[in-house]
Amino acid sequence: MQRKKVDLVFLVLTYRNTQDLINFIESTKRQVKETYKIIVVNSFYDNDSNNVFYQIARENDCDFIQVANKGYGFGNNRGIEYALANYEFRFLIVSNPDIEIEKFSMEELEGLENCILAPTIKTLTGKDQNPYYYSKIELVEWLKYYSYVKNIRLIAFIGIIINKVYREVSLFVDRALGIRKRKIYAVHGSFVIFGREALLRLGKIYDEEMFLLHEENHLARLALKKNIKTYMIHSIKVLHKEDGSISLENENIARIGRESYITYYEKWKKKGCADFGDSN
């Protein structure tokens, strides 16, 4: 089967909330002028929501695939496999459905097909979510790991504060100097731009043993292992309508997040994750 050529593929993993997807599609239509295809990957919750997602996709000329609800990594990996099998593209964007694209230009991506790229991501309260990490700070990662293993939340907050201060100071400097492209370590997972060459070199992108959250840490380690650079492109801007507090307010999600982070840390720090990313 011949693959269809487009400039961009947007991969959107959905679960239950149908309105977010409609808003995402509308903002993409407004802001993206290049050829693109949106692939809706629905982590199955029930027949009613699945049917609504399918109808939204059909009415907006999106592709639709249904997958079992086996987590964030599982759903996105299946979507990436589908995209590679069906489309010839320059960039693939993994996006949350609760994203609104505010400013997008392909000119900012020229020559970066072998990289991972991060836009400016603002929450509804005005917080910056990118870069997830400007640099790899081993102390921050260890503090989070120790906190989750011992279930002492305060220790994780110390690591979060260290990273936030570093990020805010660096962002201030970047903006003061008018820097448009900055090399970083890790991109926030709500909107990740993969150049096609980078995607092929990375292999299997997400660790499916991590059900939800902290995929940013795994991707950063994988990119480092594969010698793939990650850049923040300040002029591409999106609004993330989730402020990141859900993992703190919902104890079940917090538990799943702790388990995901422990899985990530022990694989990479204790085992080196030597065989990960070698194939799709």
Protein backbone atom coordinates (compact mmCIF):
# COMPACT_ATOMS: atom_id res chain seq x y z
CA MET A 1 0.00 0.00 0.00
CA GLN A 2 1.34 3.42 -0.97
CA ARG A 3 1.73 5.81 1.91
CA LYS A 4 0.07 9.21 1.65
CA LYS A 5 2.41 12.23 1.77
CA VAL A 6 1.71 14.99 4.30
CA ASP A 7 3.90 17.52 6.08
CA LEU A 8 2.63 16.67 9.56
CA VAL A 9 0.92 13.87 11.40
CA PHE A 10 -0.82 14.67 14.69
CA LEU A 11 -1.29 11.68 16.96
CA VAL A 12 -3.94 12.25 19.65
CA LEU A 13 -4.57 9.62 22.32
CA THR A 14 -8.08 9.94 23.76
CA TYR A 15 -9.94 8.52 26.75
CA ARG A 16 -13.51 9.34 27.81
CA ASN A 17 -13.48 13.16 27.36
CA THR A 18 -14.80 13.89 23.87
CA GLN A 19 -15.01 17.70 24.00
CA ASP A 20 -11.25 18.14 24.27
CA LEU A 21 -10.77 16.41 20.93
CA ILE A 22 -13.22 18.74 19.17
CA ASN A 23 -11.38 21.80 20.50
CA PHE A 24 -8.00 20.39 19.48
CA ILE A 25 -9.19 19.74 15.92
CA GLU A 26 -10.64 23.25 15.62
CA SER A 27 -7.41 24.93 16.80
CA THR A 28 -5.36 22.81 14.39
CA LYS A 29 -7.57 23.89 11.49
CA ARG A 30 -7.07 27.54 12.46
CA GLN A 31 -3.32 27.53 13.02
CA VAL A 32 -1.74 24.88 10.78
CA LYS A 33 -1.47 25.82 7.12
CA GLU A 34 0.60 22.86 5.94
CA THR A 35 -0.78 19.49 4.85
CA TYR A 36 -1.51 17.28 7.83
CA LYS A 37 -3.45 14.29 9.08
CA ILE A 38 -4.85 13.81 12.58
CA ILE A 39 -4.87 10.24 13.87
CA VAL A 40 -7.23 9.67 16.79
CA VAL A 41 -6.19 6.72 18.94
CA ASN A 42 -8.91 5.90 21.43
CA SER A 43 -8.05 3.97 24.59
CA PHE A 44 -11.33 2.13 24.94
CA TYR A 45 -13.49 3.08 27.92
CA ASP A 46 -16.99 2.15 26.79
CA ASN A 47 -19.02 1.80 23.60
CA ASP A 48 -20.76 5.17 23.96
CA SER A 49 -17.58 7.24 24.16
CA ASN A 50 -15.89 5.11 21.51
CA ASN A 51 -18.75 5.76 19.09
CA VAL A 52 -18.60 9.50 19.76
CA PHE A 53 -14.84 9.59 19.14
CA TYR A 54 -15.31 7.65 15.92
CA GLN A 55 -18.02 10.08 14.75
CA ILE A 56 -15.88 13.14 15.56
CA ALA A 57 -12.96 11.64 13.65
CA ARG A 58 -15.10 10.77 10.61
CA GLU A 59 -16.73 14.21 10.47
CA ASN A 60 -13.33 15.93 10.56
CA ASP A 61 -11.46 13.67 8.11
CA CYS A 62 -9.30 12.15 10.85
CA ASP A 63 -8.11 8.56 10.95
CA PHE A 64 -9.46 6.53 13.87
CA ILE A 65 -8.05 3.49 15.59
CA GLN A 66 -9.31 1.82 18.74
CA VAL A 67 -6.90 0.21 21.21
CA ALA A 68 -7.24 -1.49 24.56
CA ASN A 69 -6.77 0.77 27.57
CA LYS A 70 -3.29 -0.49 28.45
CA GLY A 71 -1.80 2.91 29.19
CA TYR A 72 -0.31 6.01 27.61
CA GLY A 73 2.74 4.30 26.14
CA PHE A 74 0.77 1.39 24.67
CA GLY A 75 -1.71 3.65 22.90
CA ASN A 76 0.88 6.05 21.50
CA ASN A 77 3.16 3.26 20.32
CA ARG A 78 0.28 1.70 18.37
CA GLY A 79 -0.53 5.10 16.87
CA ILE A 80 3.09 5.69 15.82
CA GLU A 81 3.20 2.27 14.17
CA TYR A 82 0.02 3.13 12.25
CA ALA A 83 1.39 6.52 11.18
CA LEU A 84 4.65 5.03 9.88
CA ALA A 85 2.77 2.34 7.97
CA ASN A 86 0.28 4.70 6.32
CA TYR A 87 1.93 8.13 5.90
CA GLU A 88 5.07 9.72 4.54
CA PHE A 89 5.57 12.77 6.76
CA ARG A 90 8.27 15.21 7.86
CA PHE A 91 7.19 15.54 11.48
CA LEU A 92 4.95 13.59 13.82
CA ILE A 93 3.41 15.35 16.80
CA VAL A 94 2.20 13.42 19.83
CA SER A 95 -0.38 15.67 21.47
CA ASN A 96 -2.79 15.51 24.36
CA PRO A 97 -6.37 16.25 23.31
CA ASP A 98 -6.57 19.08 25.87
CA ILE A 99 -4.15 21.17 23.81
CA GLU A 100 -5.02 24.31 21.86
CA ILE A 101 -2.50 25.33 19.22
CA GLU A 102 -1.98 29.09 19.39
CA LYS A 103 0.95 29.66 17.02
CA PHE A 104 2.56 27.23 14.62
CA SER A 105 4.98 27.66 11.71
CA MET A 106 6.80 24.96 9.75
CA GLU A 107 9.53 27.48 8.99
CA GLU A 108 10.74 27.10 12.58
CA LEU A 109 11.23 23.35 12.01
CA GLU A 110 13.31 23.53 8.84
CA GLY A 111 16.36 21.29 8.96
CA LEU A 112 15.35 19.65 12.24
CA GLU A 113 13.93 16.36 10.98
CA ASN A 114 16.59 14.50 12.99
CA CYS A 115 15.57 16.11 16.31
CA ILE A 116 12.92 16.12 19.02
CA LEU A 117 11.32 19.55 19.41
CA ALA A 118 9.48 21.30 22.22
CA PRO A 119 7.14 24.31 21.87
CA THR A 120 6.29 26.92 24.45
CA ILE A 121 3.56 25.30 26.56
CA LYS A 122 1.47 27.49 28.86
CA THR A 123 -1.23 26.28 31.24
CA LEU A 124 -4.49 28.13 31.85
CA THR A 125 -2.87 29.72 34.91
CA GLY A 126 0.09 30.95 32.84
CA LYS A 127 2.66 28.41 34.05
CA ASP A 128 5.42 27.28 31.68
CA GLN A 129 5.67 23.51 31.19
CA ASN A 130 8.59 23.49 28.75
CA PRO A 131 11.29 22.62 28.94
CA TYR A 132 10.51 19.71 31.21
CA TYR A 133 14.24 19.72 32.03
CA TYR A 134 16.74 22.21 30.61
CA SER A 135 19.56 19.87 31.65
CA LYS A 136 19.88 16.39 33.09
CA ILE A 137 20.03 16.89 36.86
CA GLU A 138 20.77 13.57 38.52
CA LEU A 139 19.99 14.91 42.01
CA VAL A 140 16.47 15.90 40.98
CA GLU A 141 15.77 12.46 39.55
CA TRP A 142 17.18 10.69 42.60
CA LEU A 143 15.14 12.85 44.98
CA LYS A 144 11.95 11.93 43.11
CA TYR A 145 12.88 8.24 43.09
CA TYR A 146 13.70 8.19 46.81
CA SER A 147 10.49 10.08 47.57
CA TYR A 148 8.34 7.61 45.62
CA VAL A 149 10.04 4.53 47.06
CA LYS A 150 9.70 5.82 50.62
CA ASN A 151 6.35 7.54 49.91
CA ILE A 152 7.58 10.84 51.33
CA ARG A 153 6.05 13.53 49.14
CA LEU A 154 8.08 16.41 50.59
CA ILE A 155 11.34 15.02 49.18
CA ALA A 156 9.88 14.98 45.66
CA PHE A 157 8.83 18.62 46.10
CA ILE A 158 12.43 19.56 46.82
CA GLY A 159 13.45 18.14 43.43
CA ILE A 160 10.51 19.84 41.73
CA ILE A 161 11.46 23.21 43.23
CA ILE A 162 15.11 22.85 42.16
CA ASN A 163 14.05 22.11 38.59
CA LYS A 164 11.42 24.88 38.53
CA VAL A 165 13.87 27.55 39.72
CA TYR A 166 16.43 26.42 37.14
CA ARG A 167 13.79 26.46 34.40
CA GLU A 168 12.38 29.88 35.27
CA VAL A 169 15.81 31.52 35.43
CA SER A 170 16.83 29.92 32.12
CA LEU A 171 13.58 30.94 30.44
CA PHE A 172 14.06 34.52 31.66
CA VAL A 173 17.56 34.58 30.16
CA ASP A 174 16.36 33.07 26.86
CA ARG A 175 13.59 35.64 26.52
CA ALA A 176 15.82 38.54 27.51
CA LEU A 177 18.34 37.52 24.86
CA GLY A 178 15.70 36.75 22.23
CA ILE A 179 16.85 33.14 21.81
CA ARG A 180 14.59 31.29 19.35
CA LYS A 181 16.06 27.78 19.58
CA ARG A 182 17.63 26.30 22.69
CA LYS A 183 19.09 22.82 23.22
CA ILE A 184 17.39 21.14 26.17
CA TYR A 185 17.32 17.73 27.84
CA ALA A 186 13.62 16.81 28.12
CA VAL A 187 10.37 17.97 26.51
CA HIS A 188 6.99 18.06 28.26
CA GLY A 189 4.90 15.13 27.09
CA SER A 190 1.67 16.97 26.31
CA PHE A 191 2.93 18.16 22.88
CA VAL A 192 6.07 16.55 21.45
CA ILE A 193 7.32 17.14 17.89
CA PHE A 194 9.36 14.29 16.40
CA GLY A 195 11.31 14.75 13.18
CA ARG A 196 10.84 11.68 10.99
CA GLU A 197 14.54 10.79 11.03
CA ALA A 198 14.62 11.03 14.82
CA LEU A 199 11.50 8.90 15.11
CA LEU A 200 13.01 6.13 13.00
CA ARG A 201 16.28 6.20 14.94
CA LEU A 202 14.54 6.12 18.31
CA GLY A 203 12.69 2.89 17.56
CA LYS A 204 10.05 2.03 20.13
CA ILE A 205 9.32 5.39 21.71
CA TYR A 206 7.39 4.70 24.91
CA ASP A 207 7.91 2.13 27.67
CA GLU A 208 4.63 0.24 27.90
CA GLU A 209 5.40 -0.90 31.45
CA MET A 210 4.91 2.73 32.48
CA PHE A 211 1.11 3.01 32.45
CA LEU A 212 0.83 6.78 32.87
CA LEU A 213 3.02 9.83 33.65
CA HIS A 214 6.79 10.45 33.61
CA GLU A 215 7.15 9.43 29.96
CA GLU A 216 9.25 12.59 29.57
CA ASN A 217 12.02 11.07 31.67
CA HIS A 218 12.11 7.89 29.64
CA LEU A 219 12.09 9.71 26.29
CA ALA A 220 14.93 11.99 27.39
CA ARG A 221 17.09 9.01 28.37
CA LEU A 222 16.25 7.23 25.14
CA ALA A 223 17.19 10.28 23.05
CA LEU A 224 20.44 10.61 24.97
CA LYS A 225 21.22 6.94 24.34
CA LYS A 226 20.51 7.36 20.61
CA ASN A 227 22.43 10.67 20.41
CA ILE A 228 19.35 12.58 19.24
CA LYS A 229 19.21 16.26 20.10
CA THR A 230 16.20 17.95 21.67
CA TYR A 231 15.49 21.65 21.12
CA MET A 232 12.96 24.10 22.46
CA ILE A 233 11.40 26.31 19.78
CA HIS A 234 10.05 29.29 21.69
CA SER A 235 7.99 30.73 18.81
CA ILE A 236 5.72 27.67 18.48
CA LYS A 237 3.08 28.09 21.17
CA VAL A 238 0.35 25.89 22.60
CA LEU A 239 -2.07 26.16 25.51
CA HIS A 240 -2.37 23.13 27.80
CA LYS A 241 -5.73 23.20 29.53
CA GLU A 242 -4.62 20.82 32.28
CA ASP A 243 -2.45 22.51 34.93
CA GLY A 244 -0.66 19.36 36.01
CA SER A 245 -2.33 19.14 39.43
CA ILE A 246 -4.30 15.99 38.68
CA SER A 247 -1.50 13.69 39.84
CA LEU A 248 -1.57 15.40 43.24
CA GLU A 249 -5.34 15.59 43.66
CA ASN A 250 -6.24 12.08 42.52
CA GLU A 251 -4.68 9.45 44.77
CA ASN A 252 -5.14 6.66 42.24
CA ILE A 253 -3.36 8.62 39.52
CA ALA A 254 -0.69 9.62 42.01
CA ARG A 255 -0.10 5.95 42.81
CA ILE A 256 0.13 5.04 39.14
CA GLY A 257 2.56 7.92 38.61
CA ARG A 258 4.78 6.73 41.45
CA GLU A 259 4.84 3.23 40.00
CA SER A 260 5.71 4.57 36.53
CA TYR A 261 8.56 6.67 37.85
CA ILE A 262 10.02 3.81 39.88
CA THR A 263 9.85 1.61 36.77
CA TYR A 264 11.61 4.28 34.71
CA TYR A 265 14.35 4.98 37.24
CA GLU A 266 15.18 1.39 38.05
CA LYS A 267 15.32 0.39 34.40
CA TRP A 268 17.64 3.20 33.35
CA LYS A 269 19.76 3.63 36.45
CA LYS A 270 20.07 0.03 37.60
CA LYS A 271 19.78 -1.89 34.32
CA GLY A 272 20.80 0.77 31.81
CA CYS A 273 17.77 -0.10 29.66
CA ALA A 274 20.29 -1.51 27.20
CA ASP A 275 17.81 -3.19 24.87
CA PHE A 276 15.15 -0.46 24.76
CA GLY A 277 14.46 1.44 21.55
CA ASP A 278 16.20 -1.02 19.25
CA SER A 279 13.06 -1.79 17.28
CA ASN A 280 9.45 -0.71 16.82
